[in-house]
């Protein structure tokens, strides 16, 4: 026969009221202070202390909780309660202060004007907000889901998997820089922008390029933010020919720019002739030179290009490619403006983004390489000869 326990043996479990807990354990704390602390716990309800009330009271009793900081407890603990499975520790008693807790929950804390029930709250932790004013928020999405949320309705390609990975693969969220994907989120959404400095992509909501210089001048505080993380913003809103003299002057380099694109075309013809004379082609050379040093394939090319710019007659494929003399021995560096060629037979743009003829051996080519990539990020910087460099690109259309 089964023995049935008498009713008196059952323990009836009741949640103790906050008043009861106070009278039994915390009479050494002022009652008004006790109420303020326990009610700062977001899980406090109906005069019953929540899951984190004891932790808050312990902080107070150990002098690790100041009354003026108590307002922080509610959002911090709300973030902990909702996202503790993503945190280094899901035991609240491992945190010895609100400041220590904030280090782990900062990216999940809800601001005063956010709604806990919105879709944005659901992706907390999948993006980082790095700036906010009364018109815009600057967001760096960590995940494709976040990019889709903040780019909803836009024409941006970064709401697709492959393109999102392309534009975010090198970004560092703890130290934002030109490799980051920035979404400049407007309140009405349709005035949102998307920037990627490394790729020189500055797009409006509909994925049309904007004049970033005008935008930054109209939004001084946003310009100040980007200035704090990008070493020099000028190359992104100043024209190549406008910025180059300034840049090199600041680096004590005397430079001459040859803006007539015919010179770039003639130099290309001459280099191609040199390659042909060595039983090779541009394409073959660039395919095999992963180190981007082609000097073995273009012997004496510096001398030949210099003589061409001096106005001396040169030949390519049997035809004269003589140009007017533009060479200046008194400058440190000569930059030849780019020329783009299109080959419809192979469906490829084949061209260059400029040539760089160095007259001063003290100039470090790394400085030129750095600058050229700012303006021509999708090209490859090649060395043709000592003192002769250029950007080449091959891209399908």
Protein backbone atom coordinates (compact mmCIF):
# COMPACT_ATOMS: atom_id res chain seq x y z
CA UNK A 1 0.00 0.00 0.00
CA UNK A 2 1.24 3.45 -0.86
CA UNK A 3 1.73 5.76 2.05
CA UNK A 4 0.18 9.14 1.48
CA UNK A 5 1.90 11.96 3.30
CA UNK A 6 -0.36 14.07 5.44
CA UNK A 7 -1.13 17.56 4.19
CA UNK A 8 0.96 19.07 6.97
CA UNK A 9 4.12 17.52 5.47
CA UNK A 10 3.84 19.40 2.17
CA UNK A 11 5.86 22.61 1.88
CA UNK A 12 3.85 25.36 0.32
CA UNK A 13 6.30 27.53 -1.63
CA UNK A 14 5.54 31.21 -1.67
CA UNK A 15 7.57 34.07 -3.03
CA UNK A 16 8.52 36.27 -0.14
CA UNK A 17 7.54 39.89 -0.50
CA UNK A 18 10.13 42.59 -0.69
CA UNK A 19 8.87 43.84 2.70
CA UNK A 20 9.48 40.43 4.25
CA UNK A 21 13.01 40.19 2.80
CA UNK A 22 13.80 43.65 4.13
CA UNK A 23 12.55 42.92 7.64
CA UNK A 24 14.51 39.64 7.80
CA UNK A 25 17.83 40.55 6.17
CA UNK A 26 18.32 44.23 5.36
CA UNK A 27 17.17 46.40 8.25
CA UNK A 28 20.69 47.83 8.40
CA UNK A 29 19.83 49.72 5.17
CA UNK A 30 17.54 52.73 5.10
CA UNK A 31 14.10 51.54 3.91
CA UNK A 32 13.75 54.20 1.20
CA UNK A 33 17.21 53.32 -0.09
CA UNK A 34 16.34 49.62 -0.03
CA UNK A 35 13.20 50.26 -2.09
CA UNK A 36 15.10 52.33 -4.67
CA UNK A 37 17.76 49.65 -5.07
CA UNK A 38 15.41 46.66 -5.36
CA UNK A 39 13.09 48.47 -7.75
CA UNK A 40 16.05 49.23 -10.04
CA UNK A 41 16.13 45.50 -10.78
CA UNK A 42 14.24 45.10 -14.10
CA UNK A 43 12.86 41.74 -12.90
CA UNK A 44 11.28 43.28 -9.76
CA UNK A 45 7.48 42.88 -9.92
CA UNK A 46 4.48 43.22 -7.63
CA UNK A 47 6.46 43.85 -4.45
CA UNK A 48 8.60 40.77 -5.09
CA UNK A 49 12.35 41.22 -5.43
CA UNK A 50 13.80 40.19 -8.78
CA UNK A 51 16.68 37.95 -9.76
CA UNK A 52 19.25 40.72 -9.40
CA UNK A 53 18.05 42.56 -6.28
CA UNK A 54 20.39 40.64 -3.99
CA UNK A 55 23.35 41.44 -6.25
CA UNK A 56 22.51 45.16 -6.19
CA UNK A 57 22.08 45.15 -2.43
CA UNK A 58 25.41 43.37 -2.00
CA UNK A 59 27.11 46.02 -4.14
CA UNK A 60 25.59 48.75 -2.02
CA UNK A 61 26.60 47.16 1.27
CA UNK A 62 30.17 46.72 0.02
CA UNK A 63 30.34 50.37 -1.08
CA UNK A 64 30.48 49.44 -4.78
CA UNK A 65 27.21 51.12 -5.74
CA UNK A 66 26.68 54.87 -5.61
CA UNK A 67 23.17 56.27 -5.55
CA UNK A 68 23.89 58.59 -8.50
CA UNK A 69 24.75 55.52 -10.61
CA UNK A 70 21.63 53.56 -9.70
CA UNK A 71 19.78 54.66 -12.84
CA UNK A 72 22.31 52.65 -14.88
CA UNK A 73 21.41 49.40 -13.17
CA UNK A 74 18.08 48.88 -14.95
CA UNK A 75 19.32 49.02 -18.59
CA UNK A 76 22.54 47.15 -17.73
CA UNK A 77 20.68 44.34 -16.00
CA UNK A 78 18.03 44.25 -18.72
CA UNK A 79 20.81 43.71 -21.28
CA UNK A 80 22.42 41.06 -19.07
CA UNK A 81 19.13 39.24 -18.56
CA UNK A 82 18.33 39.15 -22.29
CA UNK A 83 21.80 38.43 -23.69
CA UNK A 84 23.73 36.64 -20.93
CA UNK A 85 24.10 33.57 -23.13
CA UNK A 86 26.38 35.71 -25.34
CA UNK A 87 28.50 37.09 -22.49
CA UNK A 88 31.76 35.80 -21.00
CA UNK A 89 29.88 34.98 -17.78
CA UNK A 90 26.17 34.37 -17.20
CA UNK A 91 26.54 34.56 -13.41
CA UNK A 92 25.76 38.07 -12.22
CA UNK A 93 27.70 37.54 -9.01
CA UNK A 94 30.93 37.35 -11.00
CA UNK A 95 30.60 41.09 -11.62
CA UNK A 96 31.82 43.30 -8.78
CA UNK A 97 30.44 46.64 -9.98
CA UNK A 98 28.13 48.24 -12.52
CA UNK A 99 31.18 49.43 -14.45
CA UNK A 100 32.50 45.89 -14.69
CA UNK A 101 29.12 44.66 -15.89
CA UNK A 102 28.91 47.44 -18.47
CA UNK A 103 32.14 46.31 -20.13
CA UNK A 104 30.42 43.08 -21.15
CA UNK A 105 26.92 44.37 -21.89
CA UNK A 106 27.66 47.77 -23.47
CA UNK A 107 26.74 46.72 -27.01
CA UNK A 108 23.41 45.31 -25.82
CA UNK A 109 22.26 48.23 -23.66
CA UNK A 110 19.14 49.97 -24.94
CA UNK A 111 19.18 53.77 -25.20
CA UNK A 112 16.33 55.86 -23.86
CA UNK A 113 14.65 56.25 -27.25
CA UNK A 114 14.84 52.60 -28.26
CA UNK A 115 11.92 50.21 -28.02
CA UNK A 116 12.52 46.80 -26.49
CA UNK A 117 10.02 45.21 -28.86
CA UNK A 118 11.45 46.47 -32.18
CA UNK A 119 13.32 44.40 -34.73
CA UNK A 120 16.41 46.43 -33.94
CA UNK A 121 16.42 45.19 -30.36
CA UNK A 122 16.41 41.64 -31.70
CA UNK A 123 19.74 42.23 -33.46
CA UNK A 124 21.45 43.87 -30.50
CA UNK A 125 25.09 42.81 -30.50
CA UNK A 126 25.14 42.36 -34.28
CA UNK A 127 26.18 45.94 -34.96
CA UNK A 128 28.11 48.74 -33.32
CA UNK A 129 26.85 52.30 -33.11
CA UNK A 130 29.86 54.64 -33.16
CA UNK A 131 28.18 58.04 -33.54
CA UNK A 132 24.81 59.72 -33.01
CA UNK A 133 23.38 63.20 -33.36
CA UNK A 134 19.87 64.56 -33.89
CA UNK A 135 19.91 63.66 -37.62
CA UNK A 136 22.08 60.59 -38.08
CA UNK A 137 23.46 57.48 -36.43
CA UNK A 138 26.63 55.86 -37.75
CA UNK A 139 26.36 52.07 -37.64
CA UNK A 140 28.98 49.40 -38.37
CA UNK A 141 27.14 46.13 -39.09
CA UNK A 142 28.80 42.98 -37.76
CA UNK A 143 26.48 40.52 -39.47
CA UNK A 144 24.59 40.21 -42.72
CA UNK A 145 21.35 40.30 -40.73
CA UNK A 146 22.29 43.71 -39.32
CA UNK A 147 23.27 44.96 -42.76
CA UNK A 148 19.91 43.81 -44.12
CA UNK A 149 18.05 45.51 -41.27
CA UNK A 150 19.76 48.89 -41.62
CA UNK A 151 19.81 48.64 -45.41
CA UNK A 152 16.20 47.57 -45.82
CA UNK A 153 14.66 49.10 -48.92
CA UNK A 154 17.99 50.52 -50.14
CA UNK A 155 19.83 49.73 -53.34
CA UNK A 156 23.02 48.67 -51.52
CA UNK A 157 24.66 45.45 -52.61
CA UNK A 158 25.89 44.83 -49.05
CA UNK A 159 22.53 43.33 -48.09
CA UNK A 160 23.68 40.29 -50.10
CA UNK A 161 25.98 37.64 -48.63
CA UNK A 162 28.95 37.80 -51.00
CA UNK A 163 29.13 41.58 -51.16
CA UNK A 164 28.70 41.98 -47.40
CA UNK A 165 31.66 39.67 -46.83
CA UNK A 166 33.73 41.54 -49.42
CA UNK A 167 33.23 44.91 -47.73
CA UNK A 168 33.56 43.71 -44.12
CA UNK A 169 36.27 41.05 -44.25
CA UNK A 170 39.00 43.39 -42.96
CA UNK A 171 37.00 45.60 -40.61
CA UNK A 172 37.95 45.85 -36.93
CA UNK A 173 35.05 46.85 -34.74
CA UNK A 174 37.21 47.70 -31.74
CA UNK A 175 39.20 50.19 -33.82
CA UNK A 176 37.17 51.51 -36.77
CA UNK A 177 39.14 52.64 -39.81
CA UNK A 178 38.89 52.87 -43.61
CA UNK A 179 38.24 49.11 -43.87
CA UNK A 180 34.88 49.36 -42.10
CA UNK A 181 31.45 49.44 -43.69
CA UNK A 182 29.69 52.54 -42.32
CA UNK A 183 25.93 53.02 -42.54
CA UNK A 184 24.94 56.63 -41.90
CA UNK A 185 21.37 56.02 -40.78
CA UNK A 186 18.89 58.90 -41.07
CA UNK A 187 15.66 59.10 -39.12
CA UNK A 188 13.53 59.01 -42.27
CA UNK A 189 15.71 56.22 -43.73
CA UNK A 190 15.66 57.49 -47.33
CA UNK A 191 18.42 59.98 -46.52
CA UNK A 192 20.66 57.21 -45.23
CA UNK A 193 24.12 56.79 -46.73
CA UNK A 194 26.68 54.01 -46.92
CA UNK A 195 30.44 54.66 -46.89
CA UNK A 196 33.46 52.44 -47.44
CA UNK A 197 36.61 54.54 -47.52
CA UNK A 198 38.98 51.80 -48.64
CA UNK A 199 36.88 51.12 -51.73
CA UNK A 200 36.06 54.82 -52.21
CA UNK A 201 32.35 54.01 -52.12
CA UNK A 202 30.12 56.86 -50.88
CA UNK A 203 26.55 56.01 -51.80
CA UNK A 204 23.11 57.41 -51.10
CA UNK A 205 20.10 55.28 -50.14
CA UNK A 206 19.45 54.41 -53.78
CA UNK A 207 23.10 53.41 -54.35
CA UNK A 208 24.06 56.50 -56.34
CA UNK A 209 27.44 58.13 -55.58
CA UNK A 210 27.33 61.31 -53.53
CA UNK A 211 29.79 64.18 -53.23
CA UNK A 212 31.27 63.27 -49.87
CA UNK A 213 32.95 66.67 -49.61
CA UNK A 214 29.59 68.46 -49.71
CA UNK A 215 28.08 66.01 -47.22
CA UNK A 216 30.95 66.38 -44.74
CA UNK A 217 30.93 70.17 -45.03
CA UNK A 218 27.18 70.15 -44.29
CA UNK A 219 27.66 67.80 -41.31
CA UNK A 220 30.64 69.09 -39.36
CA UNK A 221 30.25 66.72 -36.41
CA UNK A 222 30.21 63.68 -38.73
CA UNK A 223 33.30 65.07 -40.45
CA UNK A 224 34.95 65.40 -37.04
CA UNK A 225 34.12 61.78 -36.24
CA UNK A 226 35.60 60.43 -39.48
CA UNK A 227 38.62 62.71 -39.07
CA UNK A 228 39.28 61.03 -35.74
CA UNK A 229 39.57 57.57 -37.31
CA UNK A 230 40.78 58.30 -40.88
CA UNK A 231 44.27 59.75 -41.03
CA UNK A 232 43.48 62.23 -43.81
CA UNK A 233 40.03 62.78 -45.30
CA UNK A 234 41.16 65.07 -48.11
CA UNK A 235 41.96 62.34 -50.66
CA UNK A 236 38.36 61.17 -50.42
CA UNK A 237 36.76 64.46 -51.41
CA UNK A 238 39.51 66.25 -53.34
CA UNK A 239 40.26 65.54 -56.99
CA UNK A 240 43.48 63.62 -57.72
CA UNK A 241 45.11 66.54 -59.54
CA UNK A 242 44.01 68.93 -56.78
CA UNK A 243 45.32 66.90 -53.85
CA UNK A 244 48.57 65.53 -55.31
CA UNK A 245 50.53 68.82 -55.24
CA UNK A 246 49.37 69.48 -51.67
CA UNK A 247 50.28 65.98 -50.55
CA UNK A 248 53.77 66.01 -52.00
CA UNK A 249 54.45 69.57 -50.88
CA UNK A 250 53.66 68.48 -47.32
CA UNK A 251 56.20 65.69 -47.81
CA UNK A 252 58.80 68.09 -49.26
CA UNK A 253 58.57 66.54 -52.72
CA UNK A 254 58.48 68.74 -55.82
CA UNK A 255 56.04 67.17 -58.27
CA UNK A 256 54.85 67.77 -61.83
CA UNK A 257 51.57 66.34 -63.13
CA UNK A 258 51.14 65.73 -66.85
CA UNK A 259 47.33 65.90 -67.23
CA UNK A 260 47.11 65.18 -70.96
CA UNK A 261 46.01 61.53 -71.15
CA UNK A 262 47.71 61.06 -74.52
CA UNK A 263 51.02 60.81 -72.69
CA UNK A 264 49.78 57.90 -70.62
CA UNK A 265 48.67 56.14 -73.79
CA UNK A 266 52.03 56.72 -75.47
CA UNK A 267 53.93 55.43 -72.43
CA UNK A 268 51.71 52.33 -72.46
CA UNK A 269 52.52 51.75 -76.15
CA UNK A 270 56.23 52.10 -75.43
CA UNK A 271 56.13 49.66 -72.51
CA UNK A 272 54.14 47.20 -74.57
CA UNK A 273 56.80 47.42 -77.30
CA UNK A 274 59.49 46.65 -74.72
CA UNK A 275 57.48 43.66 -73.51
CA UNK A 276 56.99 42.43 -77.09
CA UNK A 277 60.70 42.71 -77.78
CA UNK A 278 61.21 40.27 -74.89
CA UNK A 279 58.70 37.85 -76.42
CA UNK A 280 56.01 38.60 -73.86
CA UNK A 281 52.84 40.65 -73.38
CA UNK A 282 51.45 42.87 -70.66
CA UNK A 283 48.96 40.20 -69.70
CA UNK A 284 51.56 37.43 -69.43
CA UNK A 285 53.87 39.63 -67.40
CA UNK A 286 51.24 40.76 -64.93
CA UNK A 287 49.91 37.22 -64.52
CA UNK A 288 53.27 35.81 -63.52
CA UNK A 289 54.50 38.68 -61.34
CA UNK A 290 52.70 38.17 -58.07
CA UNK A 291 55.35 40.23 -56.31
CA UNK A 292 54.45 43.14 -58.62
CA UNK A 293 58.08 43.66 -59.63
CA UNK A 294 58.24 43.49 -63.45
CA UNK A 295 61.65 45.12 -63.84
CA UNK A 296 63.18 42.03 -65.46
CA UNK A 297 60.56 42.22 -68.22
CA UNK A 298 61.00 45.96 -68.89
CA UNK A 299 64.77 46.54 -69.06
CA UNK A 300 65.81 50.19 -69.48
CA UNK A 301 62.17 51.29 -69.39
CA UNK A 302 62.96 54.24 -67.10
CA UNK A 303 65.49 55.56 -69.62
CA UNK A 304 63.12 54.98 -72.54
CA UNK A 305 60.15 56.71 -70.88
CA UNK A 306 62.34 59.62 -69.79
CA UNK A 307 63.58 60.10 -73.36
CA UNK A 308 60.00 59.92 -74.66
CA UNK A 309 58.96 62.71 -72.29
CA UNK A 310 62.00 64.72 -73.40
CA UNK A 311 60.42 64.79 -76.86
CA UNK A 312 62.79 62.30 -78.42
CA UNK A 313 61.24 60.11 -81.09
CA UNK A 314 60.31 56.60 -79.96
CA UNK A 315 58.69 53.79 -81.90
CA UNK A 316 56.10 51.17 -81.01
CA UNK A 317 55.03 48.52 -83.49
CA UNK A 318 56.84 50.41 -86.24
CA UNK A 319 55.03 53.70 -85.71
CA UNK A 320 56.41 56.89 -84.23
CA UNK A 321 54.98 57.77 -80.80
CA UNK A 322 56.81 61.06 -80.43
CA UNK A 323 55.23 63.60 -78.05
CA UNK A 324 56.01 67.19 -77.13
CA UNK A 325 58.73 67.58 -74.55
CA UNK A 326 57.31 67.73 -71.00
CA UNK A 327 60.16 66.28 -68.98
CA UNK A 328 61.43 68.54 -66.19
CA UNK A 329 64.78 67.61 -64.60
CA UNK A 330 64.19 70.04 -61.73
CA UNK A 331 61.27 68.13 -60.15
CA UNK A 332 61.53 65.11 -57.89
CA UNK A 333 58.58 63.25 -59.36
CA UNK A 334 56.61 63.27 -62.60
CA UNK A 335 53.07 61.86 -62.55
CA UNK A 336 51.38 60.96 -65.82
CA UNK A 337 47.60 61.11 -65.70
CA UNK A 338 45.71 57.83 -66.29
CA UNK A 339 44.27 56.48 -69.49
CA UNK A 340 41.72 53.68 -69.75
CA UNK A 341 41.46 51.40 -72.75
CA UNK A 342 38.60 49.04 -73.52
CA UNK A 343 39.03 45.73 -75.34
CA UNK A 344 35.56 44.48 -76.38
CA UNK A 345 37.03 41.32 -77.91
CA UNK A 346 37.97 39.91 -74.51
CA UNK A 347 35.36 41.79 -72.47
CA UNK A 348 37.94 43.54 -70.34
CA UNK A 349 39.03 47.04 -69.41
CA UNK A 350 42.78 47.14 -69.95
CA UNK A 351 44.53 50.29 -68.93
CA UNK A 352 46.48 52.12 -66.30
CA UNK A 353 45.84 54.52 -63.49
CA UNK A 354 48.88 56.62 -64.08
CA UNK A 355 52.66 56.35 -64.22
CA UNK A 356 55.20 57.69 -61.75
CA UNK A 357 58.67 58.70 -62.88
CA UNK A 358 61.01 59.32 -59.93
CA UNK A 359 63.94 61.68 -60.49
CA UNK A 360 65.04 61.86 -56.85
CA UNK A 361 66.44 58.60 -55.55
CA UNK A 362 65.66 59.64 -51.97
CA UNK A 363 61.91 59.32 -52.59
CA UNK A 364 60.45 56.18 -51.06
CA UNK A 365 58.22 54.39 -53.58
CA UNK A 366 56.05 53.18 -50.68
CA UNK A 367 54.80 56.74 -50.27
CA UNK A 368 53.68 56.82 -53.90
CA UNK A 369 52.14 53.36 -53.63
CA UNK A 370 50.13 54.40 -50.59
CA UNK A 371 48.80 57.49 -52.34
CA UNK A 372 47.99 55.68 -55.59
CA UNK A 373 45.89 53.10 -53.76
CA UNK A 374 43.89 55.88 -52.13
CA UNK A 375 42.69 57.05 -55.52
CA UNK A 376 42.85 53.80 -57.45
CA UNK A 377 42.00 51.07 -54.89
CA UNK A 378 41.17 48.37 -57.42
CA UNK A 379 44.43 48.52 -59.32
CA UNK A 380 47.80 46.87 -58.80
CA UNK A 381 50.94 48.94 -58.23
CA UNK A 382 53.78 47.67 -60.42
CA UNK A 383 57.47 48.41 -60.59
CA UNK A 384 58.61 48.56 -64.22
CA UNK A 385 62.14 49.70 -63.56
CA UNK A 386 64.14 51.53 -60.93
CA UNK A 387 62.38 54.87 -60.77
CA UNK A 388 59.40 53.90 -62.93
CA UNK A 389 56.10 52.72 -61.42
CA UNK A 390 52.50 52.46 -62.53
CA UNK A 391 49.01 51.21 -61.66
CA UNK A 392 47.56 48.58 -63.94
CA UNK A 393 44.14 46.99 -63.88
CA UNK A 394 42.28 44.25 -65.70
CA UNK A 395 38.59 44.00 -64.89
CA UNK A 396 35.69 42.36 -66.71
CA UNK A 397 32.70 44.43 -67.82
